[in-house]
Amino acid sequence: MRNRTAMLGVIAGLALGLAMPAQSAEVTLKFSHFWPANSKQNTEIFEAWAKAVETESNGRIKVQIFPSQTLTKADQSYQAATRGVTDLSATAQGYTAGRFPLSQIVELPPFGETAEQGSCVLQKLYDSGAIADEYKDSHVVFLFTHGPGYLHTVQKPVNQPGELNGLRIRRPTAVVADMLKDQGANPVGMPAPEVYQALQRGVLDGLTMPWEGMHVFRLTELTTQHLEVPMYRLDFVLSMNKRVYDSLPADLKKVIDNNSGLKWSRKAGQVFDQIDKAGRQAAVETGKHTIVQPSQVPEVAKAWQPVIDTMIKNYISDLESKGLPAQEVYEKAVALVEECR
């Protein structure tokens, strides 16, 4: 009887052991970003990254994701990660005005025809040390960009720069704001999640954004005119609180390190490119949108080229006047474009 009881105890113990996970979480990381929960950015970049980290750590790291600004506002996310409000954040550098001037050189039009290419340029520029000082208050996991941002308006076609005069246009960066202002438009700054309501209420006449953002934030429901002059791309960073990273044991730091850098930068860019393609196609299929491609309308391309050239020149000159090595960083980024193609 005693042997039978002992055997039952062993069997029960084995069954319990099989039911339990191989490891319980030692570290839970709060991760905040502004993209919608059902967006591919969330599911195919951030949830995929979290799963990779959890799997490689054998469950010792758990990542708790807070999408849609539920933990931190888009324009406060980077600071929230540095201060420990959240452990990880993904946000646009442009939401922290003046904080990443050299990084934002990659937001200028020349740096890649795709999001993957732009992401590669930005990540390699960081890895080279050229812009690393701008992130010294955080631990950078990886950097990425979206694809080229175009001009979209509710009703009025804008094919020539002068046709921007008097229009209220959402601007993503200060550089684009200056360009819009030079053409007589009224640039309005606001995070992407707020644009839909602003268009709906007539606060905005249009915006600059890639097809990916138009699709994710459903903005093609409210705009009908689209000009595919590449005006900018946004930089993004997935950053981690330095104290949290430094407090991890060496083997868990290695898990984070193994899921950092160029591999994930390129993956993020690929996801953005897929959404760009799907977003544009969805607009085309409605039959309600007019899309102008300057490559097919030479006079449009010719009219916009001096505007784009001036925008680039002014930004580089402004940073140089502040003592920043903007020309050097610009040239390094240009050299990376072909390498990242």
C-alpha atoms as a PDB file:
ATOM      1  CA  MET A   1       0.000   0.000   0.000  1.00  0.00           C
ATOM      2  CA  ARG A   2       2.830   2.325   0.968  1.00  0.00           C
ATOM      3  CA  ASN A   3       4.622   1.650  -2.376  1.00  0.00           C
ATOM      4  CA  ARG A   4       1.388   2.250  -4.299  1.00  0.00           C
ATOM      5  CA  THR A   5       0.876   5.609  -2.545  1.00  0.00           C
ATOM      6  CA  ALA A   6       4.453   6.626  -3.286  1.00  0.00           C
ATOM      7  CA  MET A   7       4.024   5.692  -6.942  1.00  0.00           C
ATOM      8  CA  LEU A   8       0.826   7.737  -7.203  1.00  0.00           C
ATOM      9  CA  GLY A   9       2.677  10.693  -5.712  1.00  0.00           C
ATOM     10  CA  VAL A  10       5.449  10.394  -8.312  1.00  0.00           C
ATOM     11  CA  ILE A  11       2.879  10.183 -11.145  1.00  0.00           C
ATOM     12  CA  ALA A  12       1.012  13.236  -9.803  1.00  0.00           C
ATOM     13  CA  GLY A  13       4.253  15.148  -9.535  1.00  0.00           C
ATOM     14  CA  LEU A  14       5.208  14.290 -13.110  1.00  0.00           C
ATOM     15  CA  ALA A  15       1.772  15.327 -14.377  1.00  0.00           C
ATOM     16  CA  LEU A  16       2.040  18.654 -12.559  1.00  0.00           C
ATOM     17  CA  GLY A  17       5.498  19.195 -13.970  1.00  0.00           C
ATOM     18  CA  LEU A  18       4.277  18.539 -17.506  1.00  0.00           C
ATOM     19  CA  ALA A  19       1.432  21.042 -17.047  1.00  0.00           C
ATOM     20  CA  MET A  20       3.768  23.837 -15.939  1.00  0.00           C
ATOM     21  CA  PRO A  21       5.777  25.990 -18.407  1.00  0.00           C
ATOM     22  CA  ALA A  22       9.474  25.322 -18.730  1.00  0.00           C
ATOM     23  CA  GLN A  23      10.202  28.657 -17.016  1.00  0.00           C
ATOM     24  CA  SER A  24       8.051  31.259 -15.362  1.00  0.00           C
ATOM     25  CA  ALA A  25       8.704  34.870 -16.352  1.00  0.00           C
ATOM     26  CA  GLU A  26      11.477  36.553 -14.393  1.00  0.00           C
ATOM     27  CA  VAL A  27      11.072  39.872 -16.176  1.00  0.00           C
ATOM     28  CA  THR A  28       7.910  41.511 -17.531  1.00  0.00           C
ATOM     29  CA  LEU A  29       8.558  44.374 -19.928  1.00  0.00           C
ATOM     30  CA  LYS A  30       5.876  46.976 -20.600  1.00  0.00           C
ATOM     31  CA  PHE A  31       5.963  48.048 -24.256  1.00  0.00           C
ATOM     32  CA  SER A  32       4.068  51.141 -25.417  1.00  0.00           C
ATOM     33  CA  HIS A  33       3.384  52.382 -28.953  1.00  0.00           C
ATOM     34  CA  PHE A  34       0.748  54.363 -30.889  1.00  0.00           C
ATOM     35  CA  TRP A  35      -0.202  52.033 -33.760  1.00  0.00           C
ATOM     36  CA  PRO A  36      -3.636  50.348 -33.573  1.00  0.00           C
ATOM     37  CA  ALA A  37      -3.775  46.890 -31.989  1.00  0.00           C
ATOM     38  CA  ASN A  38      -5.009  45.267 -35.219  1.00  0.00           C
ATOM     39  CA  SER A  39      -2.392  46.954 -37.426  1.00  0.00           C
ATOM     40  CA  LYS A  40       0.349  44.947 -39.107  1.00  0.00           C
ATOM     41  CA  GLN A  41       2.885  47.164 -37.365  1.00  0.00           C
ATOM     42  CA  ASN A  42       1.623  45.801 -34.073  1.00  0.00           C
ATOM     43  CA  THR A  43       1.034  42.199 -35.106  1.00  0.00           C
ATOM     44  CA  GLU A  44       3.885  41.595 -37.565  1.00  0.00           C
ATOM     45  CA  ILE A  45       6.610  43.777 -36.037  1.00  0.00           C
ATOM     46  CA  PHE A  46       6.038  44.315 -32.330  1.00  0.00           C
ATOM     47  CA  GLU A  47       4.122  41.170 -31.400  1.00  0.00           C
ATOM     48  CA  ALA A  48       6.512  39.145 -33.563  1.00  0.00           C
ATOM     49  CA  TRP A  49       9.476  40.745 -31.789  1.00  0.00           C
ATOM     50  CA  ALA A  50       7.916  40.077 -28.373  1.00  0.00           C
ATOM     51  CA  LYS A  51       7.284  36.443 -29.304  1.00  0.00           C
ATOM     52  CA  ALA A  52      10.877  36.020 -30.486  1.00  0.00           C
ATOM     53  CA  VAL A  53      12.205  37.428 -27.214  1.00  0.00           C
ATOM     54  CA  GLU A  54       9.863  35.314 -25.090  1.00  0.00           C
ATOM     55  CA  THR A  55      10.700  32.150 -27.033  1.00  0.00           C
ATOM     56  CA  GLU A  56      14.461  32.689 -27.019  1.00  0.00           C
ATOM     57  CA  SER A  57      14.433  33.434 -23.290  1.00  0.00           C
ATOM     58  CA  ASN A  58      12.475  30.217 -22.678  1.00  0.00           C
ATOM     59  CA  GLY A  59       9.673  32.261 -21.162  1.00  0.00           C
ATOM     60  CA  ARG A  60      11.890  34.122 -18.701  1.00  0.00           C
ATOM     61  CA  ILE A  61      11.079  37.446 -20.421  1.00  0.00           C
ATOM     62  CA  LYS A  62       7.448  38.401 -20.950  1.00  0.00           C
ATOM     63  CA  VAL A  63       6.542  41.421 -23.061  1.00  0.00           C
ATOM     64  CA  GLN A  64       3.244  43.175 -22.309  1.00  0.00           C
ATOM     65  CA  ILE A  65       2.254  45.391 -25.258  1.00  0.00           C
ATOM     66  CA  PHE A  66       0.136  48.545 -24.880  1.00  0.00           C
ATOM     67  CA  PRO A  67      -0.871  49.704 -28.418  1.00  0.00           C
ATOM     68  CA  SER A  68      -3.009  52.672 -29.510  1.00  0.00           C
ATOM     69  CA  GLN A  69      -1.511  55.155 -26.994  1.00  0.00           C
ATOM     70  CA  THR A  70      -3.142  53.246 -24.109  1.00  0.00           C
ATOM     71  CA  LEU A  71      -0.109  53.696 -21.843  1.00  0.00           C
ATOM     72  CA  THR A  72       1.709  56.714 -23.278  1.00  0.00           C
ATOM     73  CA  LYS A  73       0.784  59.346 -25.851  1.00  0.00           C
ATOM     74  CA  ALA A  74       2.634  59.159 -29.171  1.00  0.00           C
ATOM     75  CA  ASP A  75       4.520  62.405 -28.572  1.00  0.00           C
ATOM     76  CA  GLN A  76       5.567  61.365 -25.052  1.00  0.00           C
ATOM     77  CA  SER A  77       6.614  57.772 -25.691  1.00  0.00           C
ATOM     78  CA  TYR A  78      10.377  58.214 -26.022  1.00  0.00           C
ATOM     79  CA  GLN A  79      10.603  60.206 -22.789  1.00  0.00           C
ATOM     80  CA  ALA A  80       8.323  57.697 -21.072  1.00  0.00           C
ATOM     81  CA  ALA A  81      10.819  54.929 -21.832  1.00  0.00           C
ATOM     82  CA  THR A  82      13.819  56.933 -20.660  1.00  0.00           C
ATOM     83  CA  ARG A  83      12.043  57.838 -17.390  1.00  0.00           C
ATOM     84  CA  GLY A  84      10.737  54.346 -16.690  1.00  0.00           C
ATOM     85  CA  VAL A  85       7.023  55.012 -17.185  1.00  0.00           C
ATOM     86  CA  THR A  86       7.285  52.167 -19.689  1.00  0.00           C
ATOM     87  CA  ASP A  87      10.169  49.766 -20.290  1.00  0.00           C
ATOM     88  CA  LEU A  88      10.029  49.826 -24.090  1.00  0.00           C
ATOM     89  CA  SER A  89       8.554  52.271 -26.551  1.00  0.00           C
ATOM     90  CA  ALA A  90       8.288  52.550 -30.321  1.00  0.00           C
ATOM     91  CA  THR A  91       7.699  56.044 -31.601  1.00  0.00           C
ATOM     92  CA  ALA A  92       8.667  58.621 -34.210  1.00  0.00           C
ATOM     93  CA  GLN A  93      11.713  60.752 -33.506  1.00  0.00           C
ATOM     94  CA  GLY A  94       9.853  63.701 -34.993  1.00  0.00           C
ATOM     95  CA  TYR A  95       7.374  63.630 -32.113  1.00  0.00           C
ATOM     96  CA  THR A  96      10.187  64.893 -29.839  1.00  0.00           C
ATOM     97  CA  ALA A  97      10.914  68.209 -31.538  1.00  0.00           C
ATOM     98  CA  GLY A  98      14.590  69.064 -31.943  1.00  0.00           C
ATOM     99  CA  ARG A  99      15.779  65.976 -30.060  1.00  0.00           C
ATOM    100  CA  PHE A 100      17.129  63.962 -33.030  1.00  0.00           C
ATOM    101  CA  PRO A 101      18.274  66.493 -35.669  1.00  0.00           C
ATOM    102  CA  LEU A 102      20.999  64.344 -37.249  1.00  0.00           C
ATOM    103  CA  SER A 103      18.834  61.218 -37.301  1.00  0.00           C
ATOM    104  CA  GLN A 104      16.158  63.186 -39.106  1.00  0.00           C
ATOM    105  CA  ILE A 105      18.493  63.783 -42.041  1.00  0.00           C
ATOM    106  CA  VAL A 106      17.309  60.313 -43.138  1.00  0.00           C
ATOM    107  CA  GLU A 107      13.769  61.718 -43.252  1.00  0.00           C
ATOM    108  CA  LEU A 108      14.760  63.780 -46.294  1.00  0.00           C
ATOM    109  CA  PRO A 109      13.518  62.498 -49.689  1.00  0.00           C
ATOM    110  CA  PRO A 110      16.735  60.985 -51.138  1.00  0.00           C
ATOM    111  CA  PHE A 111      17.145  58.157 -48.642  1.00  0.00           C
ATOM    112  CA  GLY A 112      15.537  55.168 -50.224  1.00  0.00           C
ATOM    113  CA  GLU A 113      12.661  54.254 -52.492  1.00  0.00           C
ATOM    114  CA  THR A 114      11.272  51.809 -49.936  1.00  0.00           C
ATOM    115  CA  ALA A 115      10.838  51.552 -46.191  1.00  0.00           C
ATOM    116  CA  GLU A 116      13.289  48.655 -46.026  1.00  0.00           C
ATOM    117  CA  GLN A 117      15.966  50.701 -47.742  1.00  0.00           C
ATOM    118  CA  GLY A 118      15.366  53.750 -45.535  1.00  0.00           C
ATOM    119  CA  SER A 119      15.380  51.572 -42.416  1.00  0.00           C
ATOM    120  CA  CYS A 120      18.701  50.038 -43.418  1.00  0.00           C
ATOM    121  CA  VAL A 121      20.265  53.487 -43.991  1.00  0.00           C
ATOM    122  CA  LEU A 122      19.076  54.727 -40.594  1.00  0.00           C
ATOM    123  CA  GLN A 123      20.193  51.612 -38.702  1.00  0.00           C
ATOM    124  CA  LYS A 124      23.634  51.546 -40.370  1.00  0.00           C
ATOM    125  CA  LEU A 125      24.079  55.246 -39.701  1.00  0.00           C
ATOM    126  CA  TYR A 126      23.406  54.533 -36.005  1.00  0.00           C
ATOM    127  CA  ASP A 127      25.676  51.471 -35.986  1.00  0.00           C
ATOM    128  CA  SER A 128      28.492  53.560 -37.467  1.00  0.00           C
ATOM    129  CA  GLY A 129      28.282  55.947 -34.506  1.00  0.00           C
ATOM    130  CA  ALA A 130      27.305  58.934 -36.666  1.00  0.00           C
ATOM    131  CA  ILE A 131      24.028  59.552 -34.792  1.00  0.00           C
ATOM    132  CA  ALA A 132      24.495  57.372 -31.688  1.00  0.00           C
ATOM    133  CA  ASP A 133      24.937  60.307 -29.282  1.00  0.00           C
ATOM    134  CA  GLU A 134      21.337  61.365 -29.885  1.00  0.00           C
ATOM    135  CA  TYR A 135      20.172  58.168 -28.128  1.00  0.00           C
ATOM    136  CA  LYS A 136      22.601  58.084 -25.188  1.00  0.00           C
ATOM    137  CA  ASP A 137      19.743  58.336 -22.667  1.00  0.00           C
ATOM    138  CA  SER A 138      18.150  55.077 -23.885  1.00  0.00           C
ATOM    139  CA  HIS A 139      19.082  51.596 -25.073  1.00  0.00           C
ATOM    140  CA  VAL A 140      18.273  51.376 -28.772  1.00  0.00           C
ATOM    141  CA  VAL A 141      16.846  48.036 -29.883  1.00  0.00           C
ATOM    142  CA  PHE A 142      16.427  48.931 -33.551  1.00  0.00           C
ATOM    143  CA  LEU A 143      15.570  51.862 -35.821  1.00  0.00           C
ATOM    144  CA  PHE A 144      13.372  51.894 -38.895  1.00  0.00           C
ATOM    145  CA  THR A 145      11.483  54.163 -41.284  1.00  0.00           C
ATOM    146  CA  HIS A 146       8.284  54.065 -43.257  1.00  0.00           C
ATOM    147  CA  GLY A 147       8.221  54.485 -47.024  1.00  0.00           C
ATOM    148  CA  PRO A 148       8.061  57.788 -48.932  1.00  0.00           C
ATOM    149  CA  GLY A 149       5.390  60.191 -47.684  1.00  0.00           C
ATOM    150  CA  TYR A 150       3.166  61.827 -50.287  1.00  0.00           C
ATOM    151  CA  LEU A 151       0.626  64.657 -50.399  1.00  0.00           C
ATOM    152  CA  HIS A 152      -3.069  63.779 -49.960  1.00  0.00           C
ATOM    153  CA  THR A 153      -5.950  66.266 -50.018  1.00  0.00           C
ATOM    154  CA  VAL A 154      -9.667  65.970 -49.347  1.00  0.00           C
ATOM    155  CA  GLN A 155     -10.992  67.520 -52.559  1.00  0.00           C
ATOM    156  CA  LYS A 156      -8.632  70.038 -54.131  1.00  0.00           C
ATOM    157  CA  PRO A 157      -5.959  68.564 -56.443  1.00  0.00           C
ATOM    158  CA  VAL A 158      -2.466  69.882 -55.731  1.00  0.00           C
ATOM    159  CA  ASN A 159      -0.152  69.201 -58.667  1.00  0.00           C
ATOM    160  CA  GLN A 160       1.865  72.420 -58.577  1.00  0.00           C
ATOM    161  CA  PRO A 161       3.572  73.802 -55.431  1.00  0.00           C
ATOM    162  CA  GLY A 162       1.623  77.071 -55.665  1.00  0.00           C
ATOM    163  CA  GLU A 163      -1.676  75.182 -55.338  1.00  0.00           C
ATOM    164  CA  LEU A 164      -0.834  74.589 -51.672  1.00  0.00           C
ATOM    165  CA  ASN A 165      -1.531  78.257 -50.967  1.00  0.00           C
ATOM    166  CA  GLY A 166      -4.039  78.697 -48.131  1.00  0.00           C
ATOM    167  CA  LEU A 167      -4.494  74.970 -47.442  1.00  0.00           C
ATOM    168  CA  ARG A 168      -4.245  73.544 -43.916  1.00  0.00           C
ATOM    169  CA  ILE A 169      -1.943  70.547 -44.248  1.00  0.00           C
ATOM    170  CA  ARG A 170      -0.874  68.142 -41.530  1.00  0.00           C
ATOM    171  CA  ARG A 171       2.903  68.149 -41.447  1.00  0.00           C
ATOM    172  CA  PRO A 172       4.934  65.302 -39.935  1.00  0.00           C
ATOM    173  CA  THR A 173       8.203  67.181 -39.354  1.00  0.00           C
ATOM    174  CA  ALA A 174       9.514  70.715 -38.979  1.00  0.00           C
ATOM    175  CA  VAL A 175      11.350  70.357 -42.305  1.00  0.00           C
ATOM    176  CA  VAL A 176       8.145  69.584 -44.181  1.00  0.00           C
ATOM    177  CA  ALA A 177       6.422  72.374 -42.234  1.00  0.00           C
ATOM    178  CA  ASP A 178       8.939  74.919 -43.539  1.00  0.00           C
ATOM    179  CA  MET A 179       8.465  73.690 -47.104  1.00  0.00           C
ATOM    180  CA  LEU A 180       4.673  73.944 -46.803  1.00  0.00           C
ATOM    181  CA  LYS A 181       4.929  77.421 -45.308  1.00  0.00           C
ATOM    182  CA  ASP A 182       7.198  78.554 -48.159  1.00  0.00           C
ATOM    183  CA  GLN A 183       4.455  77.510 -50.600  1.00  0.00           C
ATOM    184  CA  GLY A 184       1.765  79.465 -48.742  1.00  0.00           C
ATOM    185  CA  ALA A 185       0.170  76.532 -46.887  1.00  0.00           C
ATOM    186  CA  ASN A 186      -0.668  76.466 -43.181  1.00  0.00           C
ATOM    187  CA  PRO A 187       1.231  73.508 -41.671  1.00  0.00           C
ATOM    188  CA  VAL A 188      -0.465  71.820 -38.711  1.00  0.00           C
ATOM    189  CA  GLY A 189       1.394  69.450 -36.405  1.00  0.00           C
ATOM    190  CA  MET A 190      -0.429  66.496 -34.871  1.00  0.00           C
ATOM    191  CA  PRO A 191       0.206  62.786 -34.226  1.00  0.00           C
ATOM    192  CA  ALA A 192      -1.100  60.398 -36.875  1.00  0.00           C
ATOM    193  CA  PRO A 193      -3.899  58.920 -34.699  1.00  0.00           C
ATOM    194  CA  GLU A 194      -5.546  62.365 -34.456  1.00  0.00           C
ATOM    195  CA  VAL A 195      -5.643  63.131 -38.189  1.00  0.00           C
ATOM    196  CA  TYR A 196      -8.874  61.288 -39.051  1.00  0.00           C
ATOM    197  CA  GLN A 197     -11.011  63.468 -36.779  1.00  0.00           C
ATOM    198  CA  ALA A 198      -9.237  66.623 -37.946  1.00  0.00           C
ATOM    199  CA  LEU A 199     -10.037  65.806 -41.593  1.00  0.00           C
ATOM    200  CA  GLN A 200     -13.588  64.829 -40.690  1.00  0.00           C
ATOM    201  CA  ARG A 201     -14.197  68.136 -38.900  1.00  0.00           C
ATOM    202  CA  GLY A 202     -12.612  70.241 -41.633  1.00  0.00           C
ATOM    203  CA  VAL A 203      -9.688  71.290 -39.417  1.00  0.00           C
ATOM    204  CA  LEU A 204      -7.374  69.981 -42.159  1.00  0.00           C
ATOM    205  CA  ASP A 205      -7.594  70.191 -45.952  1.00  0.00           C
ATOM    206  CA  GLY A 206      -5.002  67.468 -46.405  1.00  0.00           C
ATOM    207  CA  LEU A 207      -1.850  65.830 -45.115  1.00  0.00           C
ATOM    208  CA  THR A 208       1.516  64.372 -46.003  1.00  0.00           C
ATOM    209  CA  MET A 209       1.813  60.645 -45.248  1.00  0.00           C
ATOM    210  CA  PRO A 210       2.858  57.351 -46.875  1.00  0.00           C
ATOM    211  CA  TRP A 211       0.221  54.962 -48.225  1.00  0.00           C
ATOM    212  CA  GLU A 212       0.878  52.735 -45.213  1.00  0.00           C
ATOM    213  CA  GLY A 213      -0.330  55.420 -42.786  1.00  0.00           C
ATOM    214  CA  MET A 214      -3.259  56.319 -45.032  1.00  0.00           C
ATOM    215  CA  HIS A 215      -4.352  52.679 -44.891  1.00  0.00           C
ATOM    216  CA  VAL A 216      -3.709  51.979 -41.184  1.00  0.00           C
ATOM    217  CA  PHE A 217      -5.473  55.144 -39.996  1.00  0.00           C
ATOM    218  CA  ARG A 218      -8.267  54.835 -42.629  1.00  0.00           C
ATOM    219  CA  LEU A 219      -7.510  58.257 -44.098  1.00  0.00           C
ATOM    220  CA  THR A 220      -8.343  57.244 -47.670  1.00  0.00           C
ATOM    221  CA  GLU A 221     -11.962  57.300 -46.488  1.00  0.00           C
ATOM    222  CA  LEU A 222     -11.688  61.100 -46.309  1.00  0.00           C
ATOM    223  CA  THR A 223      -9.224  62.044 -49.070  1.00  0.00           C
ATOM    224  CA  THR A 224      -9.585  61.690 -52.841  1.00  0.00           C
ATOM    225  CA  GLN A 225      -6.580  63.506 -54.363  1.00  0.00           C
ATOM    226  CA  HIS A 226      -3.057  62.100 -54.111  1.00  0.00           C
ATOM    227  CA  LEU A 227       0.279  63.458 -55.402  1.00  0.00           C
ATOM    228  CA  GLU A 228       3.158  60.968 -55.300  1.00  0.00           C
ATOM    229  CA  VAL A 229       6.000  63.427 -54.896  1.00  0.00           C
ATOM    230  CA  PRO A 230       8.249  61.884 -52.203  1.00  0.00           C
ATOM    231  CA  MET A 231       8.469  64.588 -49.551  1.00  0.00           C
ATOM    232  CA  TYR A 232       9.800  62.777 -46.506  1.00  0.00           C
ATOM    233  CA  ARG A 233       9.940  59.542 -44.558  1.00  0.00           C
ATOM    234  CA  LEU A 234       9.603  59.286 -40.781  1.00  0.00           C
ATOM    235  CA  ASP A 235      12.267  57.782 -38.558  1.00  0.00           C
ATOM    236  CA  PHE A 236      11.142  55.451 -35.774  1.00  0.00           C
ATOM    237  CA  VAL A 237      12.971  53.944 -32.844  1.00  0.00           C
ATOM    238  CA  LEU A 238      12.236  50.989 -30.610  1.00  0.00           C
ATOM    239  CA  SER A 239      14.063  51.959 -27.438  1.00  0.00           C
ATOM    240  CA  MET A 240      14.422  50.409 -24.000  1.00  0.00           C
ATOM    241  CA  ASN A 241      14.947  51.976 -20.615  1.00  0.00           C
ATOM    242  CA  LYS A 242      18.709  51.845 -19.955  1.00  0.00           C
ATOM    243  CA  ARG A 243      18.392  50.905 -16.286  1.00  0.00           C
ATOM    244  CA  VAL A 244      16.050  48.041 -17.144  1.00  0.00           C
ATOM    245  CA  TYR A 245      18.430  46.729 -19.817  1.00  0.00           C
ATOM    246  CA  ASP A 246      21.465  47.090 -17.554  1.00  0.00           C
ATOM    247  CA  SER A 247      19.673  45.232 -14.745  1.00  0.00           C
ATOM    248  CA  LEU A 248      19.113  42.108 -16.869  1.00  0.00           C
ATOM    249  CA  PRO A 249      21.366  39.095 -16.278  1.00  0.00           C
ATOM    250  CA  ALA A 250      23.929  38.545 -19.042  1.00  0.00           C
ATOM    251  CA  ASP A 251      22.019  35.721 -20.745  1.00  0.00           C
ATOM    252  CA  LEU A 252      18.824  37.785 -20.958  1.00  0.00           C
ATOM    253  CA  LYS A 253      20.738  40.806 -22.258  1.00  0.00           C
ATOM    254  CA  LYS A 254      21.992  38.501 -24.990  1.00  0.00           C
ATOM    255  CA  VAL A 255      18.388  37.643 -25.902  1.00  0.00           C
ATOM    256  CA  ILE A 256      17.629  41.353 -26.372  1.00  0.00           C
ATOM    257  CA  ASP A 257      20.887  41.841 -28.291  1.00  0.00           C
ATOM    258  CA  ASN A 258      20.104  38.889 -30.579  1.00  0.00           C
ATOM    259  CA  ASN A 259      16.809  40.591 -31.449  1.00  0.00           C
ATOM    260  CA  SER A 260      18.242  44.027 -32.100  1.00  0.00           C
ATOM    261  CA  GLY A 261      19.826  45.891 -34.968  1.00  0.00           C
ATOM    262  CA  LEU A 262      19.732  45.453 -38.731  1.00  0.00           C
ATOM    263  CA  LYS A 263      17.798  42.172 -38.917  1.00  0.00           C
ATOM    264  CA  TRP A 264      14.757  43.658 -37.177  1.00  0.00           C
ATOM    265  CA  SER A 265      15.242  47.051 -38.823  1.00  0.00           C
ATOM    266  CA  ARG A 266      14.922  45.431 -42.260  1.00  0.00           C
ATOM    267  CA  LYS A 267      11.996  43.268 -41.118  1.00  0.00           C
ATOM    268  CA  ALA A 268      10.123  46.362 -39.916  1.00  0.00           C
ATOM    269  CA  GLY A 269      10.794  48.080 -43.244  1.00  0.00           C
ATOM    270  CA  GLN A 270       9.495  45.070 -45.152  1.00  0.00           C
ATOM    271  CA  VAL A 271       6.230  45.180 -43.193  1.00  0.00           C
ATOM    272  CA  PHE A 272       5.798  48.885 -43.959  1.00  0.00           C
ATOM    273  CA  ASP A 273       6.452  48.227 -47.651  1.00  0.00           C
ATOM    274  CA  GLN A 274       3.782  45.519 -47.718  1.00  0.00           C
ATOM    275  CA  ILE A 275       1.259  47.896 -46.141  1.00  0.00           C
ATOM    276  CA  ASP A 276       2.238  50.690 -48.557  1.00  0.00           C
ATOM    277  CA  LYS A 277       1.482  48.394 -51.487  1.00  0.00           C
ATOM    278  CA  ALA A 278      -1.801  47.166 -49.999  1.00  0.00           C
ATOM    279  CA  GLY A 279      -2.898  50.675 -49.007  1.00  0.00           C
ATOM    280  CA  ARG A 280      -2.314  52.122 -52.451  1.00  0.00           C
ATOM    281  CA  GLN A 281      -4.008  49.178 -54.138  1.00  0.00           C
ATOM    282  CA  ALA A 282      -7.046  49.504 -51.863  1.00  0.00           C
ATOM    283  CA  ALA A 283      -7.410  53.150 -52.865  1.00  0.00           C
ATOM    284  CA  VAL A 284      -7.081  52.325 -56.568  1.00  0.00           C
ATOM    285  CA  GLU A 285      -9.711  49.599 -56.355  1.00  0.00           C
ATOM    286  CA  THR A 286     -12.391  51.974 -55.052  1.00  0.00           C
ATOM    287  CA  GLY A 287     -12.261  53.936 -58.290  1.00  0.00           C
ATOM    288  CA  LYS A 288     -12.801  57.140 -56.274  1.00  0.00           C
ATOM    289  CA  HIS A 289      -9.220  58.388 -56.048  1.00  0.00           C
ATOM    290  CA  THR A 290      -7.059  60.447 -58.389  1.00  0.00           C
ATOM    291  CA  ILE A 291      -3.370  59.524 -58.074  1.00  0.00           C
ATOM    292  CA  VAL A 292      -0.773  61.632 -59.883  1.00  0.00           C
ATOM    293  CA  GLN A 293       2.662  60.094 -60.439  1.00  0.00           C
ATOM    294  CA  PRO A 294       5.242  62.769 -61.305  1.00  0.00           C
ATOM    295  CA  SER A 295       7.356  60.193 -63.173  1.00  0.00           C
ATOM    296  CA  GLN A 296       4.509  60.039 -65.698  1.00  0.00           C
ATOM    297  CA  VAL A 297       3.841  63.795 -65.738  1.00  0.00           C
ATOM    298  CA  PRO A 298       7.208  65.515 -66.420  1.00  0.00           C
ATOM    299  CA  GLU A 299       5.947  69.055 -65.826  1.00  0.00           C
ATOM    300  CA  VAL A 300       4.813  68.092 -62.308  1.00  0.00           C
ATOM    301  CA  ALA A 301       8.188  66.530 -61.474  1.00  0.00           C
ATOM    302  CA  LYS A 302       9.978  69.591 -62.873  1.00  0.00           C
ATOM    303  CA  ALA A 303       7.862  71.989 -60.787  1.00  0.00           C
ATOM    304  CA  TRP A 304       8.521  70.151 -57.519  1.00  0.00           C
ATOM    305  CA  GLN A 305      12.256  69.394 -57.872  1.00  0.00           C
ATOM    306  CA  PRO A 306      13.458  72.906 -56.881  1.00  0.00           C
ATOM    307  CA  VAL A 307      11.129  72.822 -53.853  1.00  0.00           C
ATOM    308  CA  ILE A 308      12.576  69.493 -52.694  1.00  0.00           C
ATOM    309  CA  ASP A 309      16.166  70.641 -53.350  1.00  0.00           C
ATOM    310  CA  THR A 310      15.610  73.805 -51.323  1.00  0.00           C
ATOM    311  CA  MET A 311      14.087  71.827 -48.462  1.00  0.00           C
ATOM    312  CA  ILE A 312      17.175  69.602 -48.260  1.00  0.00           C
ATOM    313  CA  LYS A 313      19.637  72.490 -48.571  1.00  0.00           C
ATOM    314  CA  ASN A 314      17.879  74.551 -45.897  1.00  0.00           C
ATOM    315  CA  TYR A 315      17.800  71.692 -43.390  1.00  0.00           C
ATOM    316  CA  ILE A 316      21.486  70.844 -43.783  1.00  0.00           C
ATOM    317  CA  SER A 317      22.481  74.523 -43.637  1.00  0.00           C
ATOM    318  CA  ASP A 318      20.394  75.109 -40.518  1.00  0.00           C
ATOM    319  CA  LEU A 319      22.055  72.232 -38.656  1.00  0.00           C
ATOM    320  CA  GLU A 320      25.519  73.300 -39.781  1.00  0.00           C
ATOM    321  CA  SER A 321      24.838  76.819 -38.456  1.00  0.00           C
ATOM    322  CA  LYS A 322      24.186  75.223 -35.054  1.00  0.00           C
ATOM    323  CA  GLY A 323      27.545  73.492 -35.070  1.00  0.00           C
ATOM    324  CA  LEU A 324      26.242  70.038 -36.015  1.00  0.00           C
ATOM    325  CA  PRO A 325      28.098  67.904 -38.602  1.00  0.00           C
ATOM    326  CA  ALA A 326      25.051  67.712 -40.860  1.00  0.00           C
ATOM    327  CA  GLN A 327      26.901  67.690 -44.194  1.00  0.00           C
ATOM    328  CA  GLU A 328      29.141  64.852 -43.023  1.00  0.00           C
ATOM    329  CA  VAL A 329      26.179  62.781 -41.810  1.00  0.00           C
ATOM    330  CA  TYR A 330      24.240  63.556 -45.000  1.00  0.00           C
ATOM    331  CA  GLU A 331      27.129  62.311 -47.140  1.00  0.00           C
ATOM    332  CA  LYS A 332      27.455  59.144 -45.031  1.00  0.00           C
ATOM    333  CA  ALA A 333      23.742  58.499 -45.468  1.00  0.00           C
ATOM    334  CA  VAL A 334      23.964  59.067 -49.232  1.00  0.00           C
ATOM    335  CA  ALA A 335      26.801  56.528 -49.409  1.00  0.00           C
ATOM    336  CA  LEU A 336      24.604  53.968 -47.602  1.00  0.00           C
ATOM    337  CA  VAL A 337      21.666  54.279 -50.018  1.00  0.00           C
ATOM    338  CA  GLU A 338      23.163  52.004 -52.680  1.00  0.00           C
ATOM    339  CA  GLU A 339      24.539  49.615 -50.051  1.00  0.00           C
ATOM    340  CA  CYS A 340      21.018  49.265 -48.657  1.00  0.00           C
ATOM    341  CA  ARG A 341      19.202  48.988 -51.978  1.00  0.00           C
END
